[in-house]
Amino acid sequence: MTYSGEVTVGGPADVHELKDLMITKVAVGPMNNNAYLLRCRATDEQLLIDAANDAHTLLGTIGDDGIASVVTTHRHGDHWQALAEVVAVTGARTYAGRHDAEGIPVPTDVPVGDGDTIRVGDVELTARHLVGHTPGSIVLVYDDPHGHPHVFTGDCLFPGGVGNTFEDPEAFASLIHDVETKIFDALPDETWVYPGHGGDTSLGAERPHLPEWHARGW
């Protein structure tokens, strides 16, 4: 089966099979949040990105092997509704951006800063701190040694634009600056983008529209 990244709440997960990493995407909750389960093929260790909602579905996706860790991309409540239950069941370590950790009601075991690495088995992810949607949003970059990079963007980058900055011009300026310098300038067009809601995209698909985003201010 070819991975499309198109998932619906209550529907099946979609699995992106890479050489060293399996990425399982599932949609949960009333805001159609995406959660991503990463599994290292060499060690079978698993990591969850955003225990957003519906712990039953997430735990079913995780399965009997459990997870070693769960990363919360940012402090907004729709991204951590199931975090307490998932952590209680699995005993997973919790990671979040150091400037958003105080806004997440489940304690953060490992506060994350720009450039920090998070491992899932033999696979290494690099966190980038992007300011604007929230003060401490993080995205995770997997630079696949066998192919192109993959980036999990939370609510900082979507098909068609950057995340919501709530009509705050300074927040928008900050977010689009960080998205440009830390994602678009650092990664190639082939980079696959996994957002916090909705379908996937690529940097190549979005790059031509950056001037439009600047002009409209959101």
N, C-alpha and C. Protein backbone atom coordinates (compact mmCIF):
# COMPACT_ATOMS: atom_id res chain seq x y z
N MET A 1 0.83 -1.20 0.00
CA MET A 1 0.00 0.00 0.00
C MET A 1 0.88 1.26 0.00
N THR A 2 0.52 2.21 -0.82
CA THR A 2 1.24 3.47 -0.88
C THR A 2 0.71 4.42 0.19
N TYR A 3 1.64 5.04 0.91
CA TYR A 3 1.25 5.99 1.96
C TYR A 3 0.74 7.28 1.33
N SER A 4 -0.41 7.77 1.83
CA SER A 4 -0.97 9.02 1.33
C SER A 4 -1.00 10.12 2.37
N GLY A 5 -1.03 9.72 3.66
CA GLY A 5 -1.17 10.70 4.72
C GLY A 5 -2.59 11.16 4.93
N GLU A 6 -3.53 10.58 4.22
CA GLU A 6 -4.94 10.96 4.36
C GLU A 6 -5.60 10.02 5.37
N VAL A 7 -5.94 10.55 6.53
CA VAL A 7 -6.59 9.76 7.57
C VAL A 7 -7.81 10.52 8.08
N THR A 8 -8.77 9.79 8.63
CA THR A 8 -9.97 10.39 9.18
C THR A 8 -10.21 9.86 10.58
N VAL A 9 -10.84 10.67 11.41
CA VAL A 9 -11.17 10.25 12.76
C VAL A 9 -12.09 9.04 12.69
N GLY A 10 -11.73 7.99 13.41
CA GLY A 10 -12.50 6.76 13.39
C GLY A 10 -12.12 5.81 12.27
N GLY A 11 -11.29 6.28 11.35
CA GLY A 11 -10.86 5.45 10.23
C GLY A 11 -9.52 4.79 10.52
N PRO A 12 -9.02 4.01 9.57
CA PRO A 12 -7.76 3.29 9.78
C PRO A 12 -6.57 4.24 9.77
N ALA A 13 -5.50 3.78 10.39
CA ALA A 13 -4.23 4.50 10.34
C ALA A 13 -3.61 4.34 8.96
N ASP A 14 -2.66 5.19 8.65
CA ASP A 14 -1.87 5.09 7.42
C ASP A 14 -0.42 4.94 7.84
N VAL A 15 0.30 4.06 7.18
CA VAL A 15 1.67 3.74 7.59
C VAL A 15 2.64 4.09 6.48
N HIS A 16 3.65 4.89 6.82
CA HIS A 16 4.73 5.25 5.91
C HIS A 16 5.94 4.42 6.29
N GLU A 17 6.31 3.50 5.44
CA GLU A 17 7.40 2.57 5.75
C GLU A 17 8.70 3.05 5.13
N LEU A 18 9.62 3.49 5.98
CA LEU A 18 10.96 3.87 5.56
C LEU A 18 11.92 2.73 5.91
N LYS A 19 13.15 2.85 5.44
CA LYS A 19 14.08 1.74 5.65
C LYS A 19 14.39 1.52 7.13
N ASP A 20 14.58 2.61 7.88
CA ASP A 20 14.95 2.50 9.29
C ASP A 20 13.81 2.82 10.24
N LEU A 21 12.71 3.35 9.72
CA LEU A 21 11.66 3.90 10.58
C LEU A 21 10.30 3.63 9.97
N MET A 22 9.34 3.23 10.83
CA MET A 22 7.95 3.13 10.41
C MET A 22 7.18 4.27 11.06
N ILE A 23 6.39 4.99 10.27
CA ILE A 23 5.62 6.13 10.74
C ILE A 23 4.14 5.80 10.56
N THR A 24 3.42 5.69 11.67
CA THR A 24 1.99 5.40 11.62
C THR A 24 1.24 6.67 11.99
N LYS A 25 0.35 7.11 11.09
CA LYS A 25 -0.43 8.33 11.29
C LYS A 25 -1.88 7.96 11.57
N VAL A 26 -2.45 8.60 12.60
CA VAL A 26 -3.84 8.37 12.95
C VAL A 26 -4.47 9.70 13.31
N ALA A 27 -5.75 9.88 12.97
CA ALA A 27 -6.48 11.10 13.30
C ALA A 27 -7.40 10.84 14.49
N VAL A 28 -7.43 11.77 15.44
CA VAL A 28 -8.22 11.59 16.66
C VAL A 28 -8.87 12.91 17.07
N GLY A 29 -10.01 12.79 17.74
CA GLY A 29 -10.60 13.92 18.43
C GLY A 29 -11.44 14.84 17.57
N PRO A 30 -12.17 15.76 18.22
CA PRO A 30 -13.10 16.65 17.52
C PRO A 30 -12.42 17.70 16.65
N MET A 31 -11.12 17.91 16.84
CA MET A 31 -10.40 18.89 16.02
C MET A 31 -9.52 18.21 14.96
N ASN A 32 -9.80 16.92 14.73
CA ASN A 32 -9.10 16.19 13.67
C ASN A 32 -7.58 16.28 13.83
N ASN A 33 -7.12 16.00 15.04
CA ASN A 33 -5.68 16.05 15.31
C ASN A 33 -4.97 14.82 14.76
N ASN A 34 -3.78 15.02 14.28
CA ASN A 34 -2.92 13.91 13.87
C ASN A 34 -2.00 13.51 15.02
N ALA A 35 -1.88 12.20 15.22
CA ALA A 35 -0.86 11.65 16.12
C ALA A 35 0.01 10.73 15.28
N TYR A 36 1.31 10.73 15.57
CA TYR A 36 2.26 9.95 14.78
C TYR A 36 3.02 9.00 15.69
N LEU A 37 2.97 7.70 15.38
CA LEU A 37 3.72 6.69 16.11
C LEU A 37 4.94 6.32 15.28
N LEU A 38 6.12 6.55 15.83
CA LEU A 38 7.37 6.23 15.15
C LEU A 38 7.96 4.97 15.77
N ARG A 39 8.36 4.05 14.92
CA ARG A 39 8.92 2.78 15.38
C ARG A 39 10.26 2.53 14.69
N CYS A 40 11.31 2.39 15.48
CA CYS A 40 12.63 2.05 14.96
C CYS A 40 12.62 0.60 14.49
N ARG A 41 12.95 0.37 13.25
CA ARG A 41 12.92 -0.99 12.71
C ARG A 41 13.99 -1.89 13.34
N ALA A 42 15.12 -1.30 13.73
CA ALA A 42 16.22 -2.12 14.26
C ALA A 42 15.95 -2.58 15.68
N THR A 43 15.31 -1.74 16.49
CA THR A 43 15.15 -2.05 17.92
C THR A 43 13.70 -2.27 18.34
N ASP A 44 12.75 -1.87 17.50
CA ASP A 44 11.31 -1.91 17.80
C ASP A 44 10.89 -0.91 18.88
N GLU A 45 11.80 -0.03 19.30
CA GLU A 45 11.39 1.02 20.23
C GLU A 45 10.44 1.98 19.52
N GLN A 46 9.47 2.51 20.30
CA GLN A 46 8.47 3.39 19.72
C GLN A 46 8.40 4.73 20.44
N LEU A 47 8.03 5.76 19.69
CA LEU A 47 7.85 7.11 20.20
C LEU A 47 6.55 7.65 19.60
N LEU A 48 5.77 8.34 20.42
CA LEU A 48 4.52 8.94 19.96
C LEU A 48 4.68 10.46 19.90
N ILE A 49 4.24 11.06 18.80
CA ILE A 49 4.20 12.51 18.68
C ILE A 49 2.74 12.95 18.85
N ASP A 50 2.47 13.69 19.91
CA ASP A 50 1.17 14.27 20.25
C ASP A 50 0.11 13.23 20.63
N ALA A 51 -0.01 13.01 21.93
CA ALA A 51 -1.11 12.20 22.47
C ALA A 51 -2.33 13.11 22.55
N ALA A 52 -2.90 13.38 21.38
CA ALA A 52 -3.82 14.50 21.23
C ALA A 52 -5.19 14.24 21.84
N ASN A 53 -5.73 13.05 21.65
CA ASN A 53 -7.09 12.75 22.08
C ASN A 53 -7.30 11.26 21.93
N ASP A 54 -8.40 10.75 22.50
CA ASP A 54 -8.82 9.36 22.30
C ASP A 54 -7.71 8.38 22.67
N ALA A 55 -7.44 8.30 23.97
CA ALA A 55 -6.38 7.40 24.44
C ALA A 55 -6.61 5.96 24.00
N HIS A 56 -7.87 5.54 23.91
CA HIS A 56 -8.17 4.16 23.50
C HIS A 56 -7.61 3.88 22.11
N THR A 57 -7.84 4.79 21.18
CA THR A 57 -7.32 4.61 19.82
C THR A 57 -5.80 4.66 19.81
N LEU A 58 -5.23 5.60 20.54
CA LEU A 58 -3.77 5.72 20.56
C LEU A 58 -3.12 4.48 21.16
N LEU A 59 -3.66 4.01 22.26
CA LEU A 59 -3.08 2.82 22.90
C LEU A 59 -3.24 1.59 22.02
N GLY A 60 -4.35 1.52 21.29
CA GLY A 60 -4.52 0.42 20.35
C GLY A 60 -3.51 0.48 19.22
N THR A 61 -3.20 1.67 18.77
CA THR A 61 -2.20 1.85 17.73
C THR A 61 -0.81 1.50 18.25
N ILE A 62 -0.53 1.89 19.48
CA ILE A 62 0.77 1.58 20.10
C ILE A 62 0.96 0.08 20.26
N GLY A 63 -0.08 -0.62 20.71
CA GLY A 63 -0.02 -2.07 20.86
C GLY A 63 0.72 -2.50 22.12
N ASP A 64 0.99 -3.78 22.17
CA ASP A 64 1.56 -4.39 23.38
C ASP A 64 3.01 -4.00 23.62
N ASP A 65 3.70 -3.51 22.61
CA ASP A 65 5.12 -3.16 22.78
C ASP A 65 5.32 -1.87 23.55
N GLY A 66 4.26 -1.07 23.70
CA GLY A 66 4.38 0.18 24.45
C GLY A 66 5.19 1.22 23.71
N ILE A 67 5.41 2.33 24.39
CA ILE A 67 6.25 3.40 23.85
C ILE A 67 7.28 3.80 24.90
N ALA A 68 8.44 4.20 24.42
CA ALA A 68 9.48 4.67 25.34
C ALA A 68 9.28 6.14 25.67
N SER A 69 8.66 6.89 24.75
CA SER A 69 8.57 8.32 24.95
C SER A 69 7.41 8.90 24.16
N VAL A 70 6.96 10.08 24.60
CA VAL A 70 5.93 10.82 23.89
C VAL A 70 6.34 12.28 23.85
N VAL A 71 6.28 12.86 22.66
CA VAL A 71 6.65 14.26 22.44
C VAL A 71 5.38 15.07 22.21
N THR A 72 5.22 16.16 22.95
CA THR A 72 4.12 17.08 22.73
C THR A 72 4.66 18.29 21.98
N THR A 73 4.11 18.56 20.79
CA THR A 73 4.69 19.60 19.94
C THR A 73 4.48 21.01 20.49
N HIS A 74 3.36 21.21 21.23
CA HIS A 74 3.14 22.53 21.82
C HIS A 74 2.02 22.46 22.85
N ARG A 75 1.79 23.56 23.52
CA ARG A 75 0.97 23.59 24.73
C ARG A 75 -0.54 23.59 24.50
N HIS A 76 -1.02 23.80 23.31
CA HIS A 76 -2.46 23.90 23.09
C HIS A 76 -3.17 22.60 23.46
N GLY A 77 -4.31 22.74 24.13
CA GLY A 77 -4.98 21.60 24.75
C GLY A 77 -5.38 20.49 23.81
N ASP A 78 -5.66 20.80 22.57
CA ASP A 78 -6.08 19.73 21.66
C ASP A 78 -4.93 18.78 21.33
N HIS A 79 -3.71 19.10 21.73
CA HIS A 79 -2.57 18.23 21.44
C HIS A 79 -2.14 17.38 22.64
N TRP A 80 -2.82 17.51 23.77
CA TRP A 80 -2.41 16.69 24.93
C TRP A 80 -3.59 16.11 25.71
N GLN A 81 -4.77 16.04 25.13
CA GLN A 81 -5.93 15.55 25.87
C GLN A 81 -5.75 14.12 26.37
N ALA A 82 -5.03 13.29 25.64
CA ALA A 82 -4.84 11.88 26.03
C ALA A 82 -3.49 11.64 26.69
N LEU A 83 -2.71 12.69 26.90
CA LEU A 83 -1.33 12.51 27.37
C LEU A 83 -1.28 11.84 28.73
N ALA A 84 -2.08 12.30 29.67
CA ALA A 84 -2.02 11.74 31.03
C ALA A 84 -2.32 10.25 31.01
N GLU A 85 -3.36 9.84 30.28
CA GLU A 85 -3.72 8.42 30.27
C GLU A 85 -2.66 7.58 29.55
N VAL A 86 -2.15 8.08 28.44
CA VAL A 86 -1.14 7.33 27.70
C VAL A 86 0.12 7.14 28.54
N VAL A 87 0.52 8.20 29.24
CA VAL A 87 1.71 8.10 30.09
C VAL A 87 1.45 7.16 31.27
N ALA A 88 0.25 7.24 31.85
CA ALA A 88 -0.07 6.37 32.99
C ALA A 88 -0.01 4.90 32.59
N VAL A 89 -0.47 4.57 31.39
CA VAL A 89 -0.50 3.18 30.93
C VAL A 89 0.88 2.70 30.50
N THR A 90 1.63 3.56 29.81
CA THR A 90 2.89 3.13 29.20
C THR A 90 4.13 3.45 30.00
N GLY A 91 4.04 4.41 30.92
CA GLY A 91 5.24 4.84 31.65
C GLY A 91 6.23 5.60 30.79
N ALA A 92 5.78 6.15 29.66
CA ALA A 92 6.67 6.81 28.71
C ALA A 92 7.28 8.09 29.29
N ARG A 93 8.51 8.39 28.86
CA ARG A 93 9.13 9.68 29.14
C ARG A 93 8.39 10.75 28.34
N THR A 94 8.26 11.93 28.93
CA THR A 94 7.58 13.02 28.24
C THR A 94 8.58 14.09 27.81
N TYR A 95 8.40 14.57 26.60
CA TYR A 95 9.22 15.63 26.02
C TYR A 95 8.31 16.76 25.55
N ALA A 96 8.75 17.99 25.71
CA ALA A 96 8.05 19.15 25.17
C ALA A 96 9.04 20.31 25.10
N GLY A 97 8.73 21.29 24.26
CA GLY A 97 9.56 22.48 24.19
C GLY A 97 9.66 23.16 25.55
N ARG A 98 10.85 23.59 25.91
CA ARG A 98 11.06 24.10 27.27
C ARG A 98 10.22 25.33 27.56
N HIS A 99 9.84 26.10 26.53
CA HIS A 99 9.06 27.31 26.76
C HIS A 99 7.55 27.06 26.72
N ASP A 100 7.15 25.82 26.45
CA ASP A 100 5.74 25.46 26.47
C ASP A 100 5.41 24.48 27.59
N ALA A 101 6.42 23.92 28.23
CA ALA A 101 6.19 22.84 29.19
C ALA A 101 5.27 23.28 30.33
N GLU A 102 5.37 24.53 30.75
CA GLU A 102 4.55 25.00 31.87
C GLU A 102 3.07 25.04 31.51
N GLY A 103 2.75 25.07 30.23
CA GLY A 103 1.36 25.10 29.80
C GLY A 103 0.77 23.73 29.53
N ILE A 104 1.52 22.68 29.81
CA ILE A 104 1.05 21.31 29.60
C ILE A 104 0.85 20.67 30.97
N PRO A 105 -0.36 20.20 31.30
CA PRO A 105 -0.64 19.77 32.67
C PRO A 105 0.02 18.48 33.09
N VAL A 106 0.59 17.74 32.17
CA VAL A 106 1.36 16.54 32.51
C VAL A 106 2.83 16.96 32.59
N PRO A 107 3.53 16.62 33.69
CA PRO A 107 4.92 17.07 33.82
C PRO A 107 5.79 16.63 32.65
N THR A 108 6.66 17.52 32.22
CA THR A 108 7.60 17.24 31.14
C THR A 108 8.90 16.71 31.74
N ASP A 109 9.23 15.47 31.41
CA ASP A 109 10.47 14.88 31.94
C ASP A 109 11.71 15.50 31.30
N VAL A 110 11.63 15.79 30.02
CA VAL A 110 12.78 16.30 29.29
C VAL A 110 12.37 17.56 28.53
N PRO A 111 12.69 18.76 29.06
CA PRO A 111 12.43 19.99 28.31
C PRO A 111 13.37 20.06 27.10
N VAL A 112 12.83 20.46 25.97
CA VAL A 112 13.57 20.40 24.71
C VAL A 112 13.88 21.81 24.21
N GLY A 113 15.11 22.03 23.78
CA GLY A 113 15.53 23.29 23.19
C GLY A 113 15.88 23.14 21.73
N ASP A 114 16.13 24.25 21.06
CA ASP A 114 16.45 24.25 19.64
C ASP A 114 17.72 23.46 19.38
N GLY A 115 17.65 22.51 18.47
CA GLY A 115 18.81 21.71 18.12
C GLY A 115 19.00 20.47 18.96
N ASP A 116 18.19 20.29 19.99
CA ASP A 116 18.30 19.08 20.81
C ASP A 116 17.90 17.85 20.00
N THR A 117 18.44 16.71 20.39
CA THR A 117 18.10 15.47 19.71
C THR A 117 17.26 14.58 20.61
N ILE A 118 16.34 13.88 19.98
CA ILE A 118 15.48 12.90 20.65
C ILE A 118 15.63 11.60 19.88
N ARG A 119 15.86 10.52 20.59
CA ARG A 119 16.10 9.24 19.92
C ARG A 119 14.91 8.32 20.09
N VAL A 120 14.67 7.54 19.05
CA VAL A 120 13.75 6.41 19.13
C VAL A 120 14.53 5.22 18.60
N GLY A 121 15.02 4.39 19.52
CA GLY A 121 15.92 3.32 19.14
C GLY A 121 17.18 3.86 18.52
N ASP A 122 17.51 3.40 17.30
CA ASP A 122 18.71 3.86 16.61
C ASP A 122 18.48 5.11 15.77
N VAL A 123 17.26 5.59 15.75
CA VAL A 123 16.90 6.74 14.91
C VAL A 123 16.99 8.03 15.72
N GLU A 124 17.54 9.06 15.11
CA GLU A 124 17.71 10.35 15.78
C GLU A 124 16.84 11.41 15.13
N LEU A 125 16.11 12.14 15.98
CA LEU A 125 15.29 13.26 15.54
C LEU A 125 15.91 14.54 16.09
N THR A 126 15.86 15.60 15.31
CA THR A 126 16.38 16.89 15.75
C THR A 126 15.22 17.85 15.96
N ALA A 127 15.15 18.47 17.13
CA ALA A 127 14.09 19.42 17.44
C ALA A 127 14.50 20.82 17.00
N ARG A 128 13.56 21.54 16.43
CA ARG A 128 13.75 22.94 16.12
C ARG A 128 12.65 23.74 16.81
N HIS A 129 13.06 24.81 17.48
CA HIS A 129 12.14 25.65 18.26
C HIS A 129 11.64 26.77 17.35
N LEU A 130 10.31 26.84 17.16
CA LEU A 130 9.69 27.86 16.32
C LEU A 130 8.73 28.68 17.17
N VAL A 131 8.90 29.99 17.14
CA VAL A 131 8.12 30.89 17.99
C VAL A 131 7.05 31.60 17.16
N GLY A 132 5.82 31.61 17.68
CA GLY A 132 4.77 32.36 17.01
C GLY A 132 3.40 31.77 17.21
N HIS A 133 3.25 30.47 16.92
CA HIS A 133 1.98 29.81 17.21
C HIS A 133 1.82 29.69 18.72
N THR A 134 2.88 29.28 19.38
CA THR A 134 3.03 29.35 20.84
C THR A 134 4.47 29.76 21.11
N PRO A 135 4.81 30.10 22.36
CA PRO A 135 6.19 30.49 22.65
C PRO A 135 7.19 29.35 22.52
N GLY A 136 6.72 28.11 22.69
CA GLY A 136 7.68 27.00 22.76
C GLY A 136 7.41 25.85 21.82
N SER A 137 6.72 26.10 20.71
CA SER A 137 6.46 25.03 19.75
C SER A 137 7.76 24.41 19.25
N ILE A 138 7.73 23.10 19.08
CA ILE A 138 8.88 22.42 18.47
C ILE A 138 8.40 21.59 17.28
N VAL A 139 9.27 21.47 16.30
CA VAL A 139 9.08 20.53 15.20
C VAL A 139 10.22 19.52 15.28
N LEU A 140 9.99 18.34 14.72
CA LEU A 140 10.99 17.28 14.76
C LEU A 140 11.40 16.91 13.35
N VAL A 141 12.70 16.90 13.11
CA VAL A 141 13.25 16.60 11.79
C VAL A 141 13.95 15.24 11.83
N TYR A 142 13.54 14.35 10.93
CA TYR A 142 14.25 13.09 10.73
C TYR A 142 14.95 13.17 9.38
N ASP A 143 16.26 13.24 9.40
CA ASP A 143 17.06 13.31 8.18
C ASP A 143 17.41 11.88 7.77
N ASP A 144 16.55 11.29 6.97
CA ASP A 144 16.69 9.88 6.59
C ASP A 144 17.99 9.68 5.80
N PRO A 145 18.91 8.85 6.30
CA PRO A 145 20.17 8.65 5.58
C PRO A 145 19.98 7.91 4.27
N HIS A 146 18.82 7.32 4.07
CA HIS A 146 18.56 6.55 2.84
C HIS A 146 17.66 7.30 1.87
N GLY A 147 17.29 8.55 2.21
CA GLY A 147 16.37 9.28 1.34
C GLY A 147 16.30 10.74 1.76
N HIS A 148 15.11 11.31 1.62
CA HIS A 148 14.92 12.72 1.92
C HIS A 148 14.50 12.91 3.38
N PRO A 149 14.58 14.13 3.90
CA PRO A 149 14.16 14.38 5.27
C PRO A 149 12.64 14.30 5.43
N HIS A 150 12.25 14.14 6.69
CA HIS A 150 10.85 14.13 7.10
C HIS A 150 10.74 15.06 8.30
N VAL A 151 9.71 15.91 8.33
CA VAL A 151 9.57 16.87 9.42
C VAL A 151 8.14 16.86 9.95
N PHE A 152 8.04 16.74 11.26
CA PHE A 152 6.76 16.73 11.97
C PHE A 152 6.56 18.13 12.54
N THR A 153 5.59 18.86 11.98
CA THR A 153 5.55 20.30 12.19
C THR A 153 4.53 20.77 13.23
N GLY A 154 3.80 19.86 13.88
CA GLY A 154 2.80 20.33 14.83
C GLY A 154 1.86 21.30 14.16
N ASP A 155 1.63 22.45 14.80
CA ASP A 155 0.76 23.47 14.21
C ASP A 155 1.54 24.65 13.65
N CYS A 156 2.83 24.46 13.32
CA CYS A 156 3.64 25.55 12.79
C CYS A 156 3.61 25.66 11.28
N LEU A 157 3.36 24.56 10.59
CA LEU A 157 3.34 24.57 9.13
C LEU A 157 2.34 23.56 8.62
N PHE A 158 1.49 24.01 7.69
CA PHE A 158 0.46 23.19 7.08
C PHE A 158 0.51 23.35 5.57
N PRO A 159 -0.19 22.48 4.84
CA PRO A 159 -0.41 22.79 3.43
C PRO A 159 -1.14 24.13 3.31
N GLY A 160 -0.52 25.09 2.65
CA GLY A 160 -1.18 26.37 2.44
C GLY A 160 -0.79 27.47 3.39
N GLY A 161 0.09 27.21 4.34
CA GLY A 161 0.49 28.31 5.21
C GLY A 161 1.09 27.89 6.53
N VAL A 162 1.52 28.89 7.28
CA VAL A 162 2.03 28.65 8.63
C VAL A 162 0.84 28.54 9.59
N GLY A 163 1.13 28.19 10.83
CA GLY A 163 0.08 28.02 11.82
C GLY A 163 -0.58 29.34 12.21
N ASN A 164 -1.67 29.22 12.93
CA ASN A 164 -2.44 30.37 13.37
C ASN A 164 -1.62 31.23 14.34
N THR A 165 -1.54 32.50 14.05
CA THR A 165 -0.88 33.44 14.98
C THR A 165 -1.87 34.45 15.54
N PHE A 166 -3.16 34.15 15.39
CA PHE A 166 -4.23 34.84 16.12
C PHE A 166 -4.23 36.35 15.89
N GLU A 167 -4.01 36.72 14.61
CA GLU A 167 -4.05 38.12 14.16
C GLU A 167 -3.06 39.01 14.91
N ASP A 168 -1.97 38.42 15.35
CA ASP A 168 -0.89 39.15 16.01
C ASP A 168 0.26 39.31 15.01
N PRO A 169 0.48 40.52 14.48
CA PRO A 169 1.51 40.70 13.45
C PRO A 169 2.91 40.30 13.91
N GLU A 170 3.23 40.56 15.17
CA GLU A 170 4.57 40.20 15.67
C GLU A 170 4.72 38.69 15.74
N ALA A 171 3.66 38.00 16.15
CA ALA A 171 3.73 36.54 16.22
C ALA A 171 3.86 35.95 14.82
N PHE A 172 3.11 36.51 13.86
CA PHE A 172 3.23 36.03 12.49
C PHE A 172 4.63 36.25 11.95
N ALA A 173 5.18 37.44 12.17
CA ALA A 173 6.53 37.74 11.68
C ALA A 173 7.54 36.77 12.27
N SER A 174 7.38 36.45 13.55
CA SER A 174 8.28 35.52 14.21
C SER A 174 8.15 34.12 13.63
N LEU A 175 6.90 33.66 13.47
CA LEU A 175 6.69 32.30 13.01
C LEU A 175 7.16 32.11 11.57
N ILE A 176 6.81 33.04 10.69
CA ILE A 176 7.22 32.83 9.29
C ILE A 176 8.74 32.96 9.16
N HIS A 177 9.36 33.80 9.98
CA HIS A 177 10.83 33.87 9.98
C HIS A 177 11.43 32.53 10.39
N ASP A 178 10.92 31.96 11.47
CA ASP A 178 11.48 30.69 11.96
C ASP A 178 11.19 29.55 10.99
N VAL A 179 10.00 29.53 10.39
CA VAL A 179 9.67 28.50 9.41
C VAL A 179 10.59 28.60 8.20
N GLU A 180 10.85 29.82 7.75
CA GLU A 180 11.72 29.99 6.58
C GLU A 180 13.16 29.59 6.90
N THR A 181 13.68 30.11 8.02
CA THR A 181 15.11 29.92 8.29
C THR A 181 15.44 28.51 8.80
N LYS A 182 14.53 27.94 9.57
CA LYS A 182 14.84 26.65 10.21
C LYS A 182 14.27 25.45 9.47
N ILE A 183 13.33 25.70 8.55
CA ILE A 183 12.76 24.59 7.79
C ILE A 183 13.06 24.76 6.30
N PHE A 184 12.50 25.81 5.67
CA PHE A 184 12.67 25.95 4.23
C PHE A 184 14.12 26.17 3.81
N ASP A 185 14.86 26.99 4.56
CA ASP A 185 16.26 27.25 4.18
C ASP A 185 17.17 26.07 4.51
N ALA A 186 16.75 25.23 5.43
CA ALA A 186 17.62 24.16 5.91
C ALA A 186 17.37 22.81 5.24
N LEU A 187 16.21 22.67 4.59
CA LEU A 187 15.81 21.36 4.09
C LEU A 187 15.41 21.44 2.62
N PRO A 188 15.57 20.34 1.88
CA PRO A 188 15.30 20.36 0.44
C PRO A 188 13.80 20.24 0.13
N ASP A 189 13.47 20.49 -1.14
CA ASP A 189 12.09 20.43 -1.59
C ASP A 189 11.45 19.07 -1.35
N GLU A 190 12.25 18.01 -1.38
CA GLU A 190 11.70 16.66 -1.24
C GLU A 190 11.23 16.35 0.18
N THR A 191 11.55 17.22 1.13
CA THR A 191 11.19 16.99 2.54
C THR A 191 9.69 16.78 2.69
N TRP A 192 9.33 15.68 3.35
CA TRP A 192 7.93 15.35 3.59
C TRP A 192 7.49 16.04 4.88
N VAL A 193 6.33 16.68 4.84
CA VAL A 193 5.82 17.45 5.98
C VAL A 193 4.61 16.76 6.56
N TYR A 194 4.67 16.46 7.87
CA TYR A 194 3.58 15.82 8.60
C TYR A 194 3.03 16.84 9.60
N PRO A 195 1.89 17.46 9.32
CA PRO A 195 1.35 18.50 10.21
C PRO A 195 0.49 17.95 11.33
N GLY A 196 0.11 18.84 12.23
CA GLY A 196 -0.68 18.46 13.39
C GLY A 196 -2.15 18.22 13.10
N HIS A 197 -2.62 18.68 11.96
CA HIS A 197 -4.00 18.46 11.52
C HIS A 197 -3.98 18.27 10.01
N GLY A 198 -4.88 17.44 9.49
CA GLY A 198 -5.09 17.36 8.06
C GLY A 198 -4.02 16.59 7.31
N GLY A 199 -4.03 16.79 5.98
CA GLY A 199 -3.15 16.04 5.11
C GLY A 199 -1.71 16.51 5.13
N ASP A 200 -0.85 15.67 4.56
CA ASP A 200 0.58 15.96 4.48
C ASP A 200 0.87 16.85 3.27
N THR A 201 2.11 17.31 3.20
CA THR A 201 2.58 18.06 2.04
C THR A 201 4.08 17.87 1.93
N SER A 202 4.70 18.66 1.06
CA SER A 202 6.16 18.67 0.94
C SER A 202 6.63 20.11 0.91
N LEU A 203 7.90 20.32 1.23
CA LEU A 203 8.41 21.69 1.18
C LEU A 203 8.39 22.22 -0.25
N GLY A 204 8.62 21.34 -1.22
CA GLY A 204 8.60 21.78 -2.60
C GLY A 204 7.24 22.29 -3.04
N ALA A 205 6.19 21.66 -2.53
CA ALA A 205 4.84 22.10 -2.88
C ALA A 205 4.51 23.46 -2.27
N GLU A 206 5.07 23.74 -1.11
CA GLU A 206 4.73 24.96 -0.39
C GLU A 206 5.68 26.13 -0.67
N ARG A 207 6.92 25.85 -1.02
CA ARG A 207 7.94 26.90 -1.15
C ARG A 207 7.54 28.04 -2.10
N PRO A 208 6.94 27.74 -3.27
CA PRO A 208 6.59 28.84 -4.18
C PRO A 208 5.58 29.83 -3.60
N HIS A 209 4.89 29.44 -2.54
CA HIS A 209 3.82 30.27 -2.00
C HIS A 209 4.28 31.16 -0.83
N LEU A 210 5.53 31.05 -0.44
CA LEU A 210 6.01 31.86 0.68
C LEU A 210 5.77 33.36 0.48
N PRO A 211 6.01 33.91 -0.72
CA PRO A 211 5.72 35.36 -0.88
C PRO A 211 4.24 35.68 -0.65
N GLU A 212 3.34 34.77 -1.04
CA GLU A 212 1.91 35.00 -0.80
C GLU A 212 1.61 35.04 0.69
N TRP A 213 2.24 34.15 1.42
CA TRP A 213 1.99 34.10 2.88
C TRP A 213 2.46 35.40 3.53
N HIS A 214 3.63 35.87 3.11
CA HIS A 214 4.13 37.14 3.63
C HIS A 214 3.13 38.26 3.34
N ALA A 215 2.65 38.30 2.11
CA ALA A 215 1.77 39.39 1.69
C ALA A 215 0.44 39.41 2.44
N ARG A 216 -0.10 38.24 2.70
CA ARG A 216 -1.43 38.21 3.34
C ARG A 216 -1.32 38.33 4.86
N GLY A 217 -0.15 38.01 5.42
CA GLY A 217 0.07 38.19 6.85
C GLY A 217 -0.49 37.09 7.73
N TRP A 218 -0.73 35.91 7.13
CA TRP A 218 -1.17 34.76 7.93
C TRP A 218 -0.85 33.48 7.17
